Amino acid sequence: MKDSIHPEYRDVVFVDLQTGNKFITRSTLNSRETIELEGKTYPLFKCDVTSESHPFYTGAQTRIVETGRVEKFRARFARTSGTKKAAAAAE
């Protein structure tokens, strides 16, 4: 590999802002903030959402009540489809 053209690949601490969970992984991320963890200083990246806090992974996502929506749709358009059939039959 050529020298001085590749970004620095190092350990970085990622913090989930919703849960406070911290984990260390390798990245080329540049950050002005640092954190001291386990006696070492690491660059810090603050994440809004991780697998620890995302509703899809935690199982806390809310299900939309689809049956109510479908019933409302059918009730609203059942009237219009009936009038079209009656008008077609009258002709």
PDB file of N, CA and C in Angstrom:
ATOM      1  N   MET A   1       0.839  -1.185   0.000  1.00  0.00           N
ATOM      2  CA  MET A   1       0.000   0.000   0.000  1.00  0.00           C
ATOM      3  C   MET A   1       0.881   1.244   0.000  1.00  0.00           C
ATOM      4  N   LYS A   2       0.364   2.285  -0.618  1.00  0.00           N
ATOM      5  CA  LYS A   2       1.092   3.542  -0.634  1.00  0.00           C
ATOM      6  C   LYS A   2       0.965   4.228   0.715  1.00  0.00           C
ATOM      7  N   ASP A   3       2.028   4.897   1.114  1.00  0.00           N
ATOM      8  CA  ASP A   3       2.004   5.634   2.375  1.00  0.00           C
ATOM      9  C   ASP A   3       1.242   6.942   2.213  1.00  0.00           C
ATOM     10  N   SER A   4       0.632   7.379   3.296  1.00  0.00           N
ATOM     11  CA  SER A   4      -0.026   8.673   3.460  1.00  0.00           C
ATOM     12  C   SER A   4      -1.225   8.942   2.540  1.00  0.00           C
ATOM     13  N   ILE A   5      -1.831   7.899   1.952  1.00  0.00           N
ATOM     14  CA  ILE A   5      -3.048   8.137   1.175  1.00  0.00           C
ATOM     15  C   ILE A   5      -4.266   7.459   1.802  1.00  0.00           C
ATOM     16  N   HIS A   6      -4.042   6.582   2.782  1.00  0.00           N
ATOM     17  CA  HIS A   6      -5.134   5.863   3.422  1.00  0.00           C
ATOM     18  C   HIS A   6      -5.490   6.515   4.756  1.00  0.00           C
ATOM     19  N   PRO A   7      -6.770   6.542   5.099  1.00  0.00           N
ATOM     20  CA  PRO A   7      -7.154   7.105   6.401  1.00  0.00           C
ATOM     21  C   PRO A   7      -6.677   6.208   7.537  1.00  0.00           C
ATOM     22  N   GLU A   8      -6.546   6.805   8.704  1.00  0.00           N
ATOM     23  CA  GLU A   8      -6.084   6.059   9.875  1.00  0.00           C
ATOM     24  C   GLU A   8      -7.210   5.149  10.372  1.00  0.00           C
ATOM     25  N   TYR A   9      -6.912   3.882  10.501  1.00  0.00           N
ATOM     26  CA  TYR A   9      -7.878   2.877  10.959  1.00  0.00           C
ATOM     27  C   TYR A   9      -7.554   2.567  12.414  1.00  0.00           C
ATOM     28  N   ARG A  10      -8.463   2.929  13.316  1.00  0.00           N
ATOM     29  CA  ARG A  10      -8.174   2.810  14.753  1.00  0.00           C
ATOM     30  C   ARG A  10      -9.438   2.482  15.536  1.00  0.00           C
ATOM     31  N   ASP A  11      -9.258   2.226  16.828  1.00  0.00           N
ATOM     32  CA  ASP A  11     -10.392   1.970  17.716  1.00  0.00           C
ATOM     33  C   ASP A  11     -11.140   3.268  17.985  1.00  0.00           C
ATOM     34  N   VAL A  12     -12.473   3.205  17.937  1.00  0.00           N
ATOM     35  CA  VAL A  12     -13.332   4.357  18.189  1.00  0.00           C
ATOM     36  C   VAL A  12     -14.450   3.911  19.123  1.00  0.00           C
ATOM     37  N   VAL A  13     -14.842   4.785  20.058  1.00  0.00           N
ATOM     38  CA  VAL A  13     -15.951   4.492  20.961  1.00  0.00           C
ATOM     39  C   VAL A  13     -17.219   5.107  20.388  1.00  0.00           C
ATOM     40  N   PHE A  14     -18.258   4.284  20.246  1.00  0.00           N
ATOM     41  CA  PHE A  14     -19.571   4.735  19.812  1.00  0.00           C
ATOM     42  C   PHE A  14     -20.492   4.720  21.022  1.00  0.00           C
ATOM     43  N   VAL A  15     -21.239   5.820  21.231  1.00  0.00           N
ATOM     44  CA  VAL A  15     -22.148   5.935  22.367  1.00  0.00           C
ATOM     45  C   VAL A  15     -23.561   6.115  21.835  1.00  0.00           C
ATOM     46  N   ASP A  16     -24.485   5.282  22.317  1.00  0.00           N
ATOM     47  CA  ASP A  16     -25.901   5.421  21.991  1.00  0.00           C
ATOM     48  C   ASP A  16     -26.471   6.480  22.922  1.00  0.00           C
ATOM     49  N   LEU A  17     -26.955   7.586  22.370  1.00  0.00           N
ATOM     50  CA  LEU A  17     -27.444   8.686  23.198  1.00  0.00           C
ATOM     51  C   LEU A  17     -28.732   8.357  23.925  1.00  0.00           C
ATOM     52  N   GLN A  18     -29.521   7.405  23.428  1.00  0.00           N
ATOM     53  CA  GLN A  18     -30.776   7.066  24.086  1.00  0.00           C
ATOM     54  C   GLN A  18     -30.583   6.142  25.281  1.00  0.00           C
ATOM     55  N   THR A  19     -29.659   5.202  25.171  1.00  0.00           N
ATOM     56  CA  THR A  19     -29.462   4.232  26.251  1.00  0.00           C
ATOM     57  C   THR A  19     -28.178   4.453  27.040  1.00  0.00           C
ATOM     58  N   GLY A  20     -27.233   5.186  26.469  1.00  0.00           N
ATOM     59  CA  GLY A  20     -25.954   5.387  27.135  1.00  0.00           C
ATOM     60  C   GLY A  20     -24.994   4.229  26.924  1.00  0.00           C
ATOM     61  N   ASN A  21     -25.389   3.250  26.120  1.00  0.00           N
ATOM     62  CA  ASN A  21     -24.554   2.089  25.848  1.00  0.00           C
ATOM     63  C   ASN A  21     -23.322   2.515  25.054  1.00  0.00           C
ATOM     64  N   LYS A  22     -22.144   2.020  25.449  1.00  0.00           N
ATOM     65  CA  LYS A  22     -20.886   2.339  24.770  1.00  0.00           C
ATOM     66  C   LYS A  22     -20.278   1.060  24.234  1.00  0.00           C
ATOM     67  N   PHE A  23     -19.723   1.149  23.020  1.00  0.00           N
ATOM     68  CA  PHE A  23     -18.991   0.006  22.500  1.00  0.00           C
ATOM     69  C   PHE A  23     -17.826   0.501  21.654  1.00  0.00           C
ATOM     70  N   ILE A  24     -16.782  -0.298  21.636  1.00  0.00           N
ATOM     71  CA  ILE A  24     -15.560   0.040  20.911  1.00  0.00           C
ATOM     72  C   ILE A  24     -15.510  -0.805  19.648  1.00  0.00           C
ATOM     73  N   THR A  25     -15.218  -0.152  18.536  1.00  0.00           N
ATOM     74  CA  THR A  25     -15.037  -0.856  17.271  1.00  0.00           C
ATOM     75  C   THR A  25     -13.978  -0.120  16.456  1.00  0.00           C
ATOM     76  N   ARG A  26     -13.511  -0.742  15.420  1.00  0.00           N
ATOM     77  CA  ARG A  26     -12.485  -0.131  14.582  1.00  0.00           C
ATOM     78  C   ARG A  26     -13.158   0.688  13.493  1.00  0.00           C
ATOM     79  N   SER A  27     -12.608   1.874  13.208  1.00  0.00           N
ATOM     80  CA  SER A  27     -13.197   2.759  12.216  1.00  0.00           C
ATOM     81  C   SER A  27     -12.159   3.762  11.727  1.00  0.00           C
ATOM     82  N   THR A  28     -12.463   4.394  10.605  1.00  0.00           N
ATOM     83  CA  THR A  28     -11.627   5.478  10.086  1.00  0.00           C
ATOM     84  C   THR A  28     -12.241   6.830  10.419  1.00  0.00           C
ATOM     85  N   LEU A  29     -13.235   6.837  11.273  1.00  0.00           N
ATOM     86  CA  LEU A  29     -13.970   8.034  11.644  1.00  0.00           C
ATOM     87  C   LEU A  29     -13.066   9.083  12.288  1.00  0.00           C
ATOM     88  N   ASN A  30     -13.224  10.338  11.871  1.00  0.00           N
ATOM     89  CA  ASN A  30     -12.514  11.445  12.503  1.00  0.00           C
ATOM     90  C   ASN A  30     -13.471  12.151  13.448  1.00  0.00           C
ATOM     91  N   SER A  31     -13.026  12.426  14.659  1.00  0.00           N
ATOM     92  CA  SER A  31     -13.870  13.080  15.645  1.00  0.00           C
ATOM     93  C   SER A  31     -13.034  14.029  16.488  1.00  0.00           C
ATOM     94  N   ARG A  32     -13.634  15.166  16.828  1.00  0.00           N
ATOM     95  CA  ARG A  32     -12.938  16.116  17.710  1.00  0.00           C
ATOM     96  C   ARG A  32     -13.075  15.716  19.169  1.00  0.00           C
ATOM     97  N   GLU A  33     -14.131  14.990  19.488  1.00  0.00           N
ATOM     98  CA  GLU A  33     -14.373  14.588  20.869  1.00  0.00           C
ATOM     99  C   GLU A  33     -13.630  13.308  21.189  1.00  0.00           C
ATOM    100  N   THR A  34     -13.184  13.207  22.432  1.00  0.00           N
ATOM    101  CA  THR A  34     -12.513  11.995  22.901  1.00  0.00           C
ATOM    102  C   THR A  34     -13.136  11.565  24.216  1.00  0.00           C
ATOM    103  N   ILE A  35     -12.898  10.319  24.585  1.00  0.00           N
ATOM    104  CA  ILE A  35     -13.384   9.773  25.845  1.00  0.00           C
ATOM    105  C   ILE A  35     -12.315   8.837  26.381  1.00  0.00           C
ATOM    106  N   GLU A  36     -12.189   8.831  27.696  1.00  0.00           N
ATOM    107  CA  GLU A  36     -11.251   7.902  28.326  1.00  0.00           C
ATOM    108  C   GLU A  36     -12.044   6.702  28.808  1.00  0.00           C
ATOM    109  N   LEU A  37     -11.656   5.532  28.335  1.00  0.00           N
ATOM    110  CA  LEU A  37     -12.358   4.296  28.659  1.00  0.00           C
ATOM    111  C   LEU A  37     -11.322   3.207  28.868  1.00  0.00           C
ATOM    112  N   GLU A  38     -11.424   2.530  29.974  1.00  0.00           N
ATOM    113  CA  GLU A  38     -10.508   1.448  30.321  1.00  0.00           C
ATOM    114  C   GLU A  38      -9.053   1.901  30.321  1.00  0.00           C
ATOM    115  N   GLY A  39      -8.814   3.152  30.735  1.00  0.00           N
ATOM    116  CA  GLY A  39      -7.467   3.677  30.847  1.00  0.00           C
ATOM    117  C   GLY A  39      -6.861   4.191  29.553  1.00  0.00           C
ATOM    118  N   LYS A  40      -7.599   4.153  28.461  1.00  0.00           N
ATOM    119  CA  LYS A  40      -7.110   4.644  27.174  1.00  0.00           C
ATOM    120  C   LYS A  40      -8.013   5.767  26.684  1.00  0.00           C
ATOM    121  N   THR A  41      -7.477   6.638  25.857  1.00  0.00           N
ATOM    122  CA  THR A  41      -8.251   7.719  25.255  1.00  0.00           C
ATOM    123  C   THR A  41      -8.604   7.335  23.824  1.00  0.00           C
ATOM    124  N   TYR A  42      -9.894   7.380  23.523  1.00  0.00           N
ATOM    125  CA  TYR A  42     -10.406   7.015  22.212  1.00  0.00           C
ATOM    126  C   TYR A  42     -11.175   8.180  21.598  1.00  0.00           C
ATOM    127  N   PRO A  43     -11.250   8.253  20.273  1.00  0.00           N
ATOM    128  CA  PRO A  43     -12.168   9.200  19.632  1.00  0.00           C
ATOM    129  C   PRO A  43     -13.603   8.773  19.957  1.00  0.00           C
ATOM    130  N   LEU A  44     -14.505   9.737  20.070  1.00  0.00           N
ATOM    131  CA  LEU A  44     -15.889   9.462  20.475  1.00  0.00           C
ATOM    132  C   LEU A  44     -16.844   9.831  19.352  1.00  0.00           C
ATOM    133  N   PHE A  45     -17.794   8.935  19.065  1.00  0.00           N
ATOM    134  CA  PHE A  45     -18.862   9.231  18.118  1.00  0.00           C
ATOM    135  C   PHE A  45     -20.188   8.979  18.811  1.00  0.00           C
ATOM    136  N   LYS A  46     -21.084   9.965  18.758  1.00  0.00           N
ATOM    137  CA  LYS A  46     -22.388   9.866  19.413  1.00  0.00           C
ATOM    138  C   LYS A  46     -23.437   9.447  18.381  1.00  0.00           C
ATOM    139  N   CYS A  47     -24.074   8.302  18.622  1.00  0.00           N
ATOM    140  CA  CYS A  47     -25.098   7.767  17.720  1.00  0.00           C
ATOM    141  C   CYS A  47     -26.476   8.086  18.275  1.00  0.00           C
ATOM    142  N   ASP A  48     -27.382   8.507  17.409  1.00  0.00           N
ATOM    143  CA  ASP A  48     -28.757   8.739  17.832  1.00  0.00           C
ATOM    144  C   ASP A  48     -29.484   7.418  18.059  1.00  0.00           C
ATOM    145  N   VAL A  49     -29.249   6.451  17.180  1.00  0.00           N
ATOM    146  CA  VAL A  49     -29.944   5.161  17.255  1.00  0.00           C
ATOM    147  C   VAL A  49     -28.960   4.038  16.965  1.00  0.00           C
ATOM    148  N   THR A  50     -29.016   3.001  17.785  1.00  0.00           N
ATOM    149  CA  THR A  50     -28.251   1.786  17.524  1.00  0.00           C
ATOM    150  C   THR A  50     -29.206   0.606  17.679  1.00  0.00           C
ATOM    151  N   SER A  51     -28.688  -0.590  17.540  1.00  0.00           N
ATOM    152  CA  SER A  51     -29.539  -1.770  17.692  1.00  0.00           C
ATOM    153  C   SER A  51     -30.033  -1.925  19.128  1.00  0.00           C
ATOM    154  N   GLU A  52     -29.386  -1.270  20.076  1.00  0.00           N
ATOM    155  CA  GLU A  52     -29.830  -1.319  21.470  1.00  0.00           C
ATOM    156  C   GLU A  52     -31.068  -0.464  21.716  1.00  0.00           C
ATOM    157  N   SER A  53     -31.293   0.568  20.880  1.00  0.00           N
ATOM    158  CA  SER A  53     -32.405   1.482  21.136  1.00  0.00           C
ATOM    159  C   SER A  53     -33.422   1.566  20.006  1.00  0.00           C
ATOM    160  N   HIS A  54     -33.142   0.986  18.853  1.00  0.00           N
ATOM    161  CA  HIS A  54     -34.080   1.079  17.734  1.00  0.00           C
ATOM    162  C   HIS A  54     -35.288   0.177  18.000  1.00  0.00           C
ATOM    163  N   PRO A  55     -36.497   0.699  17.804  1.00  0.00           N
ATOM    164  CA  PRO A  55     -37.703  -0.077  18.102  1.00  0.00           C
ATOM    165  C   PRO A  55     -37.798  -1.397  17.347  1.00  0.00           C
ATOM    166  N   PHE A  56     -37.268  -1.478  16.148  1.00  0.00           N
ATOM    167  CA  PHE A  56     -37.331  -2.725  15.399  1.00  0.00           C
ATOM    168  C   PHE A  56     -36.561  -3.833  16.114  1.00  0.00           C
ATOM    169  N   TYR A  57     -35.393  -3.514  16.639  1.00  0.00           N
ATOM    170  CA  TYR A  57     -34.562  -4.517  17.293  1.00  0.00           C
ATOM    171  C   TYR A  57     -34.997  -4.783  18.727  1.00  0.00           C
ATOM    172  N   THR A  58     -35.573  -3.801  19.402  1.00  0.00           N
ATOM    173  CA  THR A  58     -35.977  -3.985  20.792  1.00  0.00           C
ATOM    174  C   THR A  58     -37.348  -4.620  20.913  1.00  0.00           C
ATOM    175  N   GLY A  59     -38.115  -4.642  19.810  1.00  0.00           N
ATOM    176  CA  GLY A  59     -39.454  -5.226  19.847  1.00  0.00           C
ATOM    177  C   GLY A  59     -40.493  -4.268  20.381  1.00  0.00           C
ATOM    178  N   ALA A  60     -40.153  -3.006  20.546  1.00  0.00           N
ATOM    179  CA  ALA A  60     -41.072  -2.033  21.118  1.00  0.00           C
ATOM    180  C   ALA A  60     -41.805  -1.224  20.058  1.00  0.00           C
ATOM    181  N   GLN A  61     -41.671  -1.627  18.808  1.00  0.00           N
ATOM    182  CA  GLN A  61     -42.334  -0.847  17.765  1.00  0.00           C
ATOM    183  C   GLN A  61     -43.839  -1.025  17.876  1.00  0.00           C
ATOM    184  N   THR A  62     -44.559   0.004  17.546  1.00  0.00           N
ATOM    185  CA  THR A  62     -46.013  -0.054  17.630  1.00  0.00           C
ATOM    186  C   THR A  62     -46.569  -0.542  16.309  1.00  0.00           C
ATOM    187  N   ARG A  63     -47.510  -1.438  16.394  1.00  0.00           N
ATOM    188  CA  ARG A  63     -48.175  -1.950  15.199  1.00  0.00           C
ATOM    189  C   ARG A  63     -49.355  -1.063  14.883  1.00  0.00           C
ATOM    190  N   ILE A  64     -49.493  -0.695  13.647  1.00  0.00           N
ATOM    191  CA  ILE A  64     -50.634   0.097  13.219  1.00  0.00           C
ATOM    192  C   ILE A  64     -51.835  -0.846  13.120  1.00  0.00           C
ATOM    193  N   VAL A  65     -52.927  -0.415  13.663  1.00  0.00           N
ATOM    194  CA  VAL A  65     -54.132  -1.233  13.606  1.00  0.00           C
ATOM    195  C   VAL A  65     -54.672  -1.133  12.186  1.00  0.00           C
ATOM    196  N   GLU A  66     -54.345  -2.152  11.392  1.00  0.00           N
ATOM    197  CA  GLU A  66     -54.685  -2.118   9.986  1.00  0.00           C
ATOM    198  C   GLU A  66     -56.130  -2.498   9.733  1.00  0.00           C
ATOM    199  N   THR A  67     -56.690  -3.299  10.609  1.00  0.00           N
ATOM    200  CA  THR A  67     -58.066  -3.726  10.375  1.00  0.00           C
ATOM    201  C   THR A  67     -59.015  -2.540  10.426  1.00  0.00           C
ATOM    202  N   GLY A  68     -58.783  -1.610  11.316  1.00  0.00           N
ATOM    203  CA  GLY A  68     -59.626  -0.427  11.389  1.00  0.00           C
ATOM    204  C   GLY A  68     -59.517   0.411  10.130  1.00  0.00           C
ATOM    205  N   ARG A  69     -58.340   0.543   9.596  1.00  0.00           N
ATOM    206  CA  ARG A  69     -58.141   1.325   8.374  1.00  0.00           C
ATOM    207  C   ARG A  69     -58.813   0.667   7.184  1.00  0.00           C
ATOM    208  N   VAL A  70     -58.677  -0.640   7.072  1.00  0.00           N
ATOM    209  CA  VAL A  70     -59.276  -1.355   5.952  1.00  0.00           C
ATOM    210  C   VAL A  70     -60.798  -1.267   6.023  1.00  0.00           C
ATOM    211  N   GLU A  71     -61.341  -1.431   7.204  1.00  0.00           N
ATOM    212  CA  GLU A  71     -62.795  -1.350   7.362  1.00  0.00           C
ATOM    213  C   GLU A  71     -63.308   0.040   7.012  1.00  0.00           C
ATOM    214  N   LYS A  72     -62.611   1.072   7.427  1.00  0.00           N
ATOM    215  CA  LYS A  72     -63.012   2.438   7.078  1.00  0.00           C
ATOM    216  C   LYS A  72     -62.975   2.648   5.569  1.00  0.00           C
ATOM    217  N   PHE A  73     -61.932   2.128   4.915  1.00  0.00           N
ATOM    218  CA  PHE A  73     -61.802   2.265   3.472  1.00  0.00           C
ATOM    219  C   PHE A  73     -62.959   1.570   2.763  1.00  0.00           C
ATOM    220  N   ARG A  74     -63.241   0.342   3.177  1.00  0.00           N
ATOM    221  CA  ARG A  74     -64.330  -0.412   2.534  1.00  0.00           C
ATOM    222  C   ARG A  74     -65.675   0.264   2.761  1.00  0.00           C
ATOM    223  N   ALA A  75     -65.905   0.775   3.967  1.00  0.00           N
ATOM    224  CA  ALA A  75     -67.175   1.443   4.261  1.00  0.00           C
ATOM    225  C   ALA A  75     -67.323   2.715   3.423  1.00  0.00           C
ATOM    226  N   ARG A  76     -66.267   3.452   3.243  1.00  0.00           N
ATOM    227  CA  ARG A  76     -66.325   4.696   2.504  1.00  0.00           C
ATOM    228  C   ARG A  76     -66.571   4.446   1.018  1.00  0.00           C
ATOM    229  N   PHE A  77     -65.911   3.453   0.441  1.00  0.00           N
ATOM    230  CA  PHE A  77     -66.021   3.218  -0.992  1.00  0.00           C
ATOM    231  C   PHE A  77     -67.084   2.189  -1.359  1.00  0.00           C
ATOM    232  N   ALA A  78     -67.690   1.551  -0.393  1.00  0.00           N
ATOM    233  CA  ALA A  78     -68.789   0.628  -0.686  1.00  0.00           C
ATOM    234  C   ALA A  78     -69.987   1.400  -1.211  1.00  0.00           C
ATOM    235  N   ARG A  79     -70.205   2.595  -0.699  1.00  0.00           N
ATOM    236  CA  ARG A  79     -71.325   3.421  -1.156  1.00  0.00           C
ATOM    237  C   ARG A  79     -71.142   3.834  -2.601  1.00  0.00           C
ATOM    238  N   THR A  80     -69.926   4.251  -2.972  1.00  0.00           N
ATOM    239  CA  THR A  80     -69.714   4.734  -4.341  1.00  0.00           C
ATOM    240  C   THR A  80     -69.765   3.596  -5.343  1.00  0.00           C
ATOM    241  N   SER A  81     -69.266   2.423  -5.000  1.00  0.00           N
ATOM    242  CA  SER A  81     -69.298   1.300  -5.942  1.00  0.00           C
ATOM    243  C   SER A  81     -70.724   0.815  -6.139  1.00  0.00           C
ATOM    244  N   GLY A  82     -71.559   0.886  -5.120  1.00  0.00           N
ATOM    245  CA  GLY A  82     -72.960   0.484  -5.240  1.00  0.00           C
ATOM    246  C   GLY A  82     -73.736   1.425  -6.133  1.00  0.00           C
ATOM    247  N   THR A  83     -73.475   2.714  -6.071  1.00  0.00           N
ATOM    248  CA  THR A  83     -74.192   3.679  -6.912  1.00  0.00           C
ATOM    249  C   THR A  83     -73.775   3.534  -8.367  1.00  0.00           C
ATOM    250  N   LYS A  84     -72.537   3.184  -8.631  1.00  0.00           N
ATOM    251  CA  LYS A  84     -72.097   2.986 -10.002  1.00  0.00           C
ATOM    252  C   LYS A  84     -72.769   1.772 -10.605  1.00  0.00           C
ATOM    253  N   LYS A  85     -72.883   0.691  -9.826  1.00  0.00           N
ATOM    254  CA  LYS A  85     -73.535  -0.520 -10.320  1.00  0.00           C
ATOM    255  C   LYS A  85     -75.019  -0.257 -10.581  1.00  0.00           C
ATOM    256  N   ALA A  86     -75.666   0.501  -9.680  1.00  0.00           N
ATOM    257  CA  ALA A  86     -77.091   0.806  -9.849  1.00  0.00           C
ATOM    258  C   ALA A  86     -77.309   1.689 -11.070  1.00  0.00           C
ATOM    259  N   ALA A  87     -76.431   2.646 -11.299  1.00  0.00           N
ATOM    260  CA  ALA A  87     -76.542   3.526 -12.461  1.00  0.00           C
ATOM    261  C   ALA A  87     -76.318   2.737 -13.758  1.00  0.00           C
ATOM    262  N   ALA A  88     -75.386   1.802 -13.741  1.00  0.00           N
ATOM    263  CA  ALA A  88     -75.120   0.982 -14.920  1.00  0.00           C
ATOM    264  C   ALA A  88     -76.300   0.046 -15.212  1.00  0.00           C
ATOM    265  N   ALA A  89     -76.945  -0.470 -14.172  1.00  0.00           N
ATOM    266  CA  ALA A  89     -78.087  -1.365 -14.338  1.00  0.00           C
ATOM    267  C   ALA A  89     -79.308  -0.598 -14.857  1.00  0.00           C
ATOM    268  N   ALA A  90     -79.469   0.665 -14.461  1.00  0.00           N
ATOM    269  CA  ALA A  90     -80.619   1.475 -14.886  1.00  0.00           C
ATOM    270  C   ALA A  90     -80.528   1.818 -16.374  1.00  0.00           C
ATOM    271  N   GLU A  91     -79.356   1.887 -16.903  1.00  0.00           N
ATOM    272  CA  GLU A  91     -79.178   2.239 -18.306  1.00  0.00           C
ATOM    273  C   GLU A  91     -79.460   1.068 -19.142  1.00  0.00           C
TER     274      GLU A  91
END
